[in-house]
Amino acid sequence: MLSAVDKRGNKMGDKKILKLVLAAMFASMVCVATMVIKIPTPTNGYVNLGDCIVLLSGWLLGPVYGVAAAAVGSMLADLFAGYPAYAAATFVIKGIVAFLAWLILGKRGKRTLFAVVSAVFAEVFMVLSYFLFEWLLMGQGLAAAVGIPANLIQGLVGAVLALALFKLFTGSRALSDFFSHVNKEK
């Protein structure tokens, strides 16, 4: 049996350690997927594959660990890639994307329709959020709209890949059982 101690000196059980390890793995996958393919956009951002893992984080790890993995991994990618001005906004936006993905799919399990709806809703939120961030906080004004098509493409590609992988994970009995076990309350 694995054991570790949290900040208060309480022992953490196997499941909590497993969730922390999975969240760290997903955060690193988000970061790598974001940085491997980077296509620059006119608004100083870039199109990437990180949204695929952001959605999977929400769906497979749930609202706490999935949000943490998506937010931290995406923020680290911005910092490592030389986009520190976007890091804080990315942390918030990608965390909310993962949360929305989980919220809509939630306990509905393997239902593909809800996965599609959650991916679309979460990615539309991402596009609108980056537009508002670039328009209002980065001072780009309405010129920030130039980035909308690139963000739509990124969201679409991320959603399609995430849905394919989600179908693979939920179609595999071993993986489906594993993630169901991880997300069950004590």
Protein backbone atom coordinates (compact mmCIF):
# COMPACT_ATOMS: atom_id res chain seq x y z
CA MET A 1 0.00 0.00 0.00
CA LEU A 2 1.26 3.44 -0.92
CA SER A 3 1.22 6.09 1.73
CA ALA A 4 2.18 9.70 1.91
CA VAL A 5 1.54 12.55 4.26
CA ASP A 6 -0.29 15.78 3.37
CA LYS A 7 0.51 19.27 4.75
CA ARG A 8 -1.36 18.59 7.98
CA GLY A 9 0.40 15.31 8.64
CA ASN A 10 -2.59 13.18 7.64
CA LYS A 11 -1.95 9.97 5.74
CA MET A 12 -3.21 9.99 2.17
CA GLY A 13 -4.64 6.79 0.76
CA ASP A 14 -3.83 4.98 -2.45
CA LYS A 15 -6.65 6.60 -4.40
CA LYS A 16 -5.60 10.16 -3.52
CA ILE A 17 -1.99 9.43 -4.47
CA LEU A 18 -3.17 7.87 -7.73
CA LYS A 19 -5.28 10.95 -8.51
CA LEU A 20 -2.34 13.26 -7.80
CA VAL A 21 -0.06 11.19 -10.05
CA LEU A 22 -2.67 11.14 -12.84
CA ALA A 23 -3.20 14.90 -12.52
CA ALA A 24 0.57 15.44 -12.79
CA MET A 25 0.73 13.15 -15.84
CA PHE A 26 -2.19 14.93 -17.51
CA ALA A 27 -0.67 18.34 -16.73
CA SER A 28 2.56 17.27 -18.40
CA MET A 29 0.65 15.85 -21.38
CA VAL A 30 -1.27 19.14 -21.73
CA CYS A 31 2.00 21.06 -21.65
CA VAL A 32 3.71 18.81 -24.20
CA ALA A 33 0.67 18.64 -26.50
CA THR A 34 0.48 22.43 -26.40
CA MET A 35 4.16 22.89 -27.19
CA VAL A 36 4.80 20.14 -29.77
CA ILE A 37 2.78 21.70 -32.59
CA LYS A 38 2.61 25.48 -32.38
CA ILE A 39 1.26 27.44 -35.31
CA PRO A 40 1.54 31.19 -34.60
CA THR A 41 -1.58 33.35 -34.97
CA PRO A 42 -1.88 37.06 -35.85
CA THR A 43 -2.70 37.93 -32.22
CA ASN A 44 0.62 36.65 -30.84
CA GLY A 45 -0.93 33.35 -29.72
CA TYR A 46 -0.67 29.95 -31.36
CA VAL A 47 -2.81 27.02 -32.44
CA ASN A 48 -1.93 23.77 -30.64
CA LEU A 49 -3.20 20.32 -29.66
CA GLY A 50 -3.37 20.98 -25.92
CA ASP A 51 -7.16 21.38 -25.90
CA CYS A 52 -7.49 17.68 -26.64
CA ILE A 53 -5.86 16.81 -23.31
CA VAL A 54 -7.61 19.70 -21.51
CA LEU A 55 -10.99 18.16 -22.40
CA LEU A 56 -9.83 14.65 -21.51
CA SER A 57 -8.58 15.97 -18.16
CA GLY A 58 -12.02 17.27 -17.31
CA TRP A 59 -13.83 14.18 -18.52
CA LEU A 60 -11.51 11.56 -17.04
CA LEU A 61 -10.17 13.19 -13.86
CA GLY A 62 -13.17 15.20 -12.73
CA PRO A 63 -13.66 18.73 -11.47
CA VAL A 64 -10.75 19.02 -9.05
CA TYR A 65 -7.86 17.04 -10.50
CA GLY A 66 -8.93 17.56 -14.12
CA VAL A 67 -9.20 21.32 -13.71
CA ALA A 68 -5.84 21.45 -11.92
CA ALA A 69 -4.13 19.38 -14.63
CA ALA A 70 -5.62 21.45 -17.47
CA ALA A 71 -4.89 24.81 -15.84
CA VAL A 72 -1.35 24.06 -14.69
CA GLY A 73 -0.27 22.24 -17.86
CA SER A 74 -1.61 24.98 -20.13
CA MET A 75 -0.11 27.77 -18.05
CA LEU A 76 3.29 26.06 -17.99
CA ALA A 77 3.18 25.72 -21.78
CA ASP A 78 2.62 29.47 -22.13
CA LEU A 79 5.48 30.20 -19.74
CA PHE A 80 7.88 27.75 -21.41
CA ALA A 81 6.91 28.90 -24.92
CA GLY A 82 7.59 32.57 -24.20
CA TYR A 83 4.01 33.82 -23.75
CA PRO A 84 4.06 34.95 -20.09
CA ALA A 85 1.46 37.66 -20.73
CA TYR A 86 -1.06 34.90 -21.50
CA ALA A 87 -0.12 32.56 -18.63
CA ALA A 88 -2.57 33.78 -15.96
CA ALA A 89 -5.46 34.06 -18.42
CA THR A 90 -4.65 30.63 -19.82
CA PHE A 91 -4.62 29.15 -16.31
CA VAL A 92 -8.14 30.45 -15.69
CA ILE A 93 -9.55 29.82 -19.17
CA LYS A 94 -8.26 26.25 -19.59
CA GLY A 95 -9.26 25.38 -16.03
CA ILE A 96 -12.80 26.54 -16.77
CA VAL A 97 -12.77 24.66 -20.10
CA ALA A 98 -11.96 21.41 -18.24
CA PHE A 99 -14.60 22.21 -15.61
CA LEU A 100 -17.27 22.89 -18.24
CA ALA A 101 -16.36 19.67 -20.05
CA TRP A 102 -16.80 17.75 -16.78
CA LEU A 103 -19.92 19.67 -15.75
CA ILE A 104 -21.85 18.90 -18.93
CA LEU A 105 -20.66 15.29 -19.26
CA GLY A 106 -20.47 14.75 -15.50
CA LYS A 107 -21.98 11.53 -14.29
CA ARG A 108 -23.52 10.77 -17.67
CA GLY A 109 -20.60 8.41 -18.26
CA LYS A 110 -20.09 7.05 -21.72
CA ARG A 111 -22.81 9.01 -23.50
CA THR A 112 -21.24 10.34 -26.68
CA LEU A 113 -23.89 13.00 -27.24
CA PHE A 114 -23.08 14.68 -23.92
CA ALA A 115 -19.36 14.44 -24.64
CA VAL A 116 -19.91 16.23 -27.97
CA VAL A 117 -22.09 18.91 -26.36
CA SER A 118 -19.59 19.45 -23.57
CA ALA A 119 -16.67 19.69 -26.02
CA VAL A 120 -18.49 22.21 -28.22
CA PHE A 121 -19.66 24.32 -25.28
CA ALA A 122 -16.23 24.28 -23.58
CA GLU A 123 -14.36 25.16 -26.78
CA VAL A 124 -16.75 27.99 -27.67
CA PHE A 125 -16.11 29.32 -24.17
CA MET A 126 -12.35 29.11 -24.86
CA VAL A 127 -12.67 31.06 -28.13
CA LEU A 128 -14.83 33.79 -26.58
CA SER A 129 -12.61 34.02 -23.49
CA TYR A 130 -9.40 34.53 -25.45
CA PHE A 131 -11.15 37.08 -27.65
CA LEU A 132 -12.30 39.05 -24.59
CA PHE A 133 -8.89 38.73 -22.94
CA GLU A 134 -7.06 40.00 -26.02
CA TRP A 135 -9.65 42.71 -26.67
CA LEU A 136 -10.06 44.11 -23.18
CA LEU A 137 -6.94 43.20 -21.21
CA MET A 138 -4.26 43.02 -23.88
CA GLY A 139 -5.51 46.24 -25.47
CA GLN A 140 -5.93 44.82 -28.96
CA GLY A 141 -9.42 46.19 -29.34
CA LEU A 142 -11.60 44.65 -31.98
CA ALA A 143 -8.43 43.58 -33.82
CA ALA A 144 -8.48 40.65 -31.40
CA ALA A 145 -11.23 39.20 -33.60
CA VAL A 146 -8.47 38.22 -36.05
CA GLY A 147 -7.57 35.39 -33.65
CA ILE A 148 -11.08 33.92 -33.56
CA PRO A 149 -10.68 31.68 -36.65
CA ALA A 150 -7.40 30.21 -35.36
CA ASN A 151 -8.93 29.57 -31.94
CA LEU A 152 -11.98 27.97 -33.59
CA ILE A 153 -9.69 25.65 -35.56
CA GLN A 154 -7.74 24.81 -32.41
CA GLY A 155 -10.97 24.12 -30.53
CA LEU A 156 -12.38 21.98 -33.34
CA VAL A 157 -9.22 19.91 -33.73
CA GLY A 158 -8.89 19.52 -29.95
CA ALA A 159 -12.54 18.49 -29.61
CA VAL A 160 -12.41 15.94 -32.45
CA LEU A 161 -9.21 14.35 -31.12
CA ALA A 162 -10.52 14.38 -27.54
CA LEU A 163 -13.80 12.77 -28.60
CA ALA A 164 -11.94 10.04 -30.50
CA LEU A 165 -9.69 9.32 -27.51
CA PHE A 166 -12.63 9.50 -25.10
CA LYS A 167 -14.49 6.94 -27.20
CA LEU A 168 -11.36 4.76 -27.15
CA PHE A 169 -11.03 5.08 -23.37
CA THR A 170 -14.68 4.42 -22.66
CA GLY A 171 -14.77 1.61 -25.23
CA SER A 172 -11.90 -0.18 -23.53
CA ARG A 173 -13.23 -2.06 -20.54
CA ALA A 174 -9.91 -1.89 -18.69
CA LEU A 175 -9.51 1.89 -19.14
CA SER A 176 -13.19 2.57 -18.51
CA ASP A 177 -13.10 0.54 -15.28
CA PHE A 178 -9.82 2.21 -14.25
CA PHE A 179 -11.14 5.78 -14.59
CA SER A 180 -14.48 4.81 -13.01
CA HIS A 181 -12.56 3.42 -10.04
CA VAL A 182 -10.38 6.53 -9.78
CA ASN A 183 -13.38 8.86 -9.75
CA LYS A 184 -15.56 6.91 -7.32
CA GLU A 185 -15.96 8.49 -3.94
CA LYS A 186 -14.65 6.41 -1.06
